[in-house]
Amino acid sequence: IRDLHRQIASLVNQVHRLTQENAELRSNVVLTTESPPISAELPSRQSPRKDPTFP
């Protein structure tokens, strides 16, 4: 029983570490993937949209 408790405690610790790492990775991915494309895509998307709509 003691061994099981130790294993469970270690697993819980591992899960907490993994969840924290995943949260950090997700926040980093969101910052790296969302911010640059938005600034890069907005001007490129606006110009082609304006060209066909005006004529």
N, C-alpha and C. Protein backbone atom coordinates (compact mmCIF):
# COMPACT_ATOMS: atom_id res chain seq x y z
N ILE A 1 0.85 -1.21 0.00
CA ILE A 1 0.00 0.00 0.00
C ILE A 1 0.88 1.25 0.00
N ARG A 2 1.92 1.24 0.80
CA ARG A 2 2.80 2.41 0.84
C ARG A 2 3.43 2.64 -0.54
N ASP A 3 3.83 1.55 -1.19
CA ASP A 3 4.43 1.71 -2.52
C ASP A 3 3.41 2.34 -3.48
N LEU A 4 2.17 1.90 -3.39
CA LEU A 4 1.15 2.46 -4.27
C LEU A 4 1.00 3.95 -4.02
N HIS A 5 0.96 4.34 -2.76
CA HIS A 5 0.83 5.76 -2.44
C HIS A 5 2.01 6.54 -3.01
N ARG A 6 3.20 5.97 -2.88
CA ARG A 6 4.39 6.66 -3.42
C ARG A 6 4.28 6.79 -4.93
N GLN A 7 3.87 5.70 -5.60
CA GLN A 7 3.74 5.76 -7.05
C GLN A 7 2.69 6.78 -7.46
N ILE A 8 1.57 6.78 -6.76
CA ILE A 8 0.51 7.75 -7.07
C ILE A 8 1.03 9.18 -6.88
N ALA A 9 1.73 9.41 -5.78
CA ALA A 9 2.26 10.75 -5.52
C ALA A 9 3.22 11.17 -6.64
N SER A 10 4.08 10.23 -7.04
CA SER A 10 5.04 10.57 -8.10
C SER A 10 4.30 10.84 -9.41
N LEU A 11 3.28 10.04 -9.71
CA LEU A 11 2.51 10.27 -10.93
C LEU A 11 1.81 11.63 -10.88
N VAL A 12 1.24 11.95 -9.73
CA VAL A 12 0.57 13.25 -9.59
C VAL A 12 1.57 14.38 -9.82
N ASN A 13 2.75 14.23 -9.25
CA ASN A 13 3.77 15.27 -9.44
C ASN A 13 4.14 15.39 -10.92
N GLN A 14 4.29 14.25 -11.59
CA GLN A 14 4.63 14.28 -13.01
C GLN A 14 3.52 14.95 -13.81
N VAL A 15 2.28 14.63 -13.48
CA VAL A 15 1.15 15.23 -14.21
C VAL A 15 1.15 16.75 -14.01
N HIS A 16 1.35 17.18 -12.77
CA HIS A 16 1.37 18.63 -12.51
C HIS A 16 2.50 19.29 -13.31
N ARG A 17 3.66 18.65 -13.34
CA ARG A 17 4.77 19.23 -14.11
C ARG A 17 4.42 19.30 -15.59
N LEU A 18 3.83 18.22 -16.10
CA LEU A 18 3.49 18.19 -17.52
C LEU A 18 2.44 19.26 -17.84
N THR A 19 1.45 19.40 -16.97
CA THR A 19 0.42 20.40 -17.23
C THR A 19 1.02 21.80 -17.23
N GLN A 20 1.93 22.07 -16.30
CA GLN A 20 2.57 23.38 -16.26
C GLN A 20 3.40 23.59 -17.53
N GLU A 21 4.14 22.55 -17.95
CA GLU A 21 4.94 22.69 -19.17
C GLU A 21 4.03 22.91 -20.37
N ASN A 22 2.92 22.17 -20.43
CA ASN A 22 2.00 22.34 -21.55
C ASN A 22 1.43 23.75 -21.56
N ALA A 23 1.08 24.26 -20.40
CA ALA A 23 0.53 25.62 -20.34
C ALA A 23 1.56 26.63 -20.85
N GLU A 24 2.82 26.45 -20.42
CA GLU A 24 3.86 27.37 -20.88
C GLU A 24 4.07 27.24 -22.38
N LEU A 25 4.10 25.99 -22.88
CA LEU A 25 4.30 25.78 -24.30
C LEU A 25 3.14 26.38 -25.09
N ARG A 26 1.92 26.17 -24.60
CA ARG A 26 0.77 26.71 -25.32
C ARG A 26 0.82 28.23 -25.36
N SER A 27 1.18 28.86 -24.24
CA SER A 27 1.25 30.32 -24.22
C SER A 27 2.32 30.80 -25.19
N ASN A 28 3.46 30.09 -25.22
CA ASN A 28 4.52 30.48 -26.14
C ASN A 28 4.08 30.27 -27.58
N VAL A 29 3.42 29.15 -27.85
CA VAL A 29 2.96 28.88 -29.21
C VAL A 29 1.95 29.93 -29.64
N VAL A 30 1.05 30.28 -28.75
CA VAL A 30 0.04 31.29 -29.09
C VAL A 30 0.73 32.61 -29.44
N LEU A 31 1.71 33.00 -28.64
CA LEU A 31 2.39 34.27 -28.90
C LEU A 31 3.15 34.21 -30.21
N THR A 32 3.81 33.07 -30.49
CA THR A 32 4.66 32.99 -31.68
C THR A 32 3.81 32.79 -32.94
N THR A 33 2.71 32.05 -32.85
CA THR A 33 1.95 31.73 -34.05
C THR A 33 0.92 32.81 -34.37
N GLU A 34 0.30 33.41 -33.35
CA GLU A 34 -0.79 34.34 -33.63
C GLU A 34 -0.30 35.75 -33.92
N SER A 35 0.66 36.26 -33.15
CA SER A 35 1.02 37.66 -33.31
C SER A 35 1.68 37.96 -34.67
N PRO A 36 2.70 37.22 -35.12
CA PRO A 36 3.32 37.58 -36.39
C PRO A 36 2.39 37.42 -37.59
N PRO A 37 1.62 36.31 -37.72
CA PRO A 37 0.75 36.17 -38.89
C PRO A 37 -0.29 37.28 -38.96
N ILE A 38 -0.83 37.70 -37.83
CA ILE A 38 -1.85 38.75 -37.84
C ILE A 38 -1.26 40.02 -38.45
N SER A 39 -0.07 40.42 -38.01
CA SER A 39 0.53 41.64 -38.54
C SER A 39 0.94 41.45 -39.99
N ALA A 40 1.31 40.22 -40.37
CA ALA A 40 1.78 39.99 -41.73
C ALA A 40 0.60 39.76 -42.68
N GLU A 41 -0.48 39.15 -42.18
CA GLU A 41 -1.59 38.82 -43.07
C GLU A 41 -2.52 40.01 -43.29
N LEU A 42 -2.70 40.85 -42.27
CA LEU A 42 -3.66 41.94 -42.41
C LEU A 42 -3.37 42.82 -43.62
N PRO A 43 -2.17 43.34 -43.79
CA PRO A 43 -1.92 44.20 -44.96
C PRO A 43 -2.05 43.42 -46.27
N SER A 44 -1.59 42.16 -46.30
CA SER A 44 -1.66 41.39 -47.54
C SER A 44 -3.11 41.05 -47.87
N ARG A 45 -3.93 40.82 -46.85
CA ARG A 45 -5.34 40.49 -47.11
C ARG A 45 -6.13 41.74 -47.49
N GLN A 46 -5.78 42.87 -46.90
CA GLN A 46 -6.56 44.08 -47.17
C GLN A 46 -6.36 44.54 -48.61
N SER A 47 -5.14 44.48 -49.12
CA SER A 47 -4.91 45.01 -50.46
C SER A 47 -5.63 44.19 -51.53
N PRO A 48 -5.59 42.85 -51.52
CA PRO A 48 -6.33 42.12 -52.54
C PRO A 48 -7.85 42.29 -52.39
N ARG A 49 -8.32 42.43 -51.17
CA ARG A 49 -9.76 42.62 -50.99
C ARG A 49 -10.20 43.98 -51.53
N LYS A 50 -9.40 45.01 -51.31
CA LYS A 50 -9.79 46.34 -51.77
C LYS A 50 -9.76 46.41 -53.31
N ASP A 51 -8.79 45.76 -53.93
CA ASP A 51 -8.67 45.85 -55.39
C ASP A 51 -9.91 45.32 -56.10
N PRO A 52 -10.39 44.11 -55.80
CA PRO A 52 -11.56 43.61 -56.54
C PRO A 52 -12.85 44.33 -56.15
N THR A 53 -12.94 44.85 -54.94
CA THR A 53 -14.21 45.46 -54.52
C THR A 53 -14.41 46.82 -55.18
N PHE A 54 -13.37 47.64 -55.32
CA PHE A 54 -13.55 48.98 -55.87
C PHE A 54 -13.91 48.94 -57.36
N PRO A 55 -13.21 48.19 -58.19
CA PRO A 55 -13.58 48.17 -59.63
C PRO A 55 -14.79 47.25 -59.87
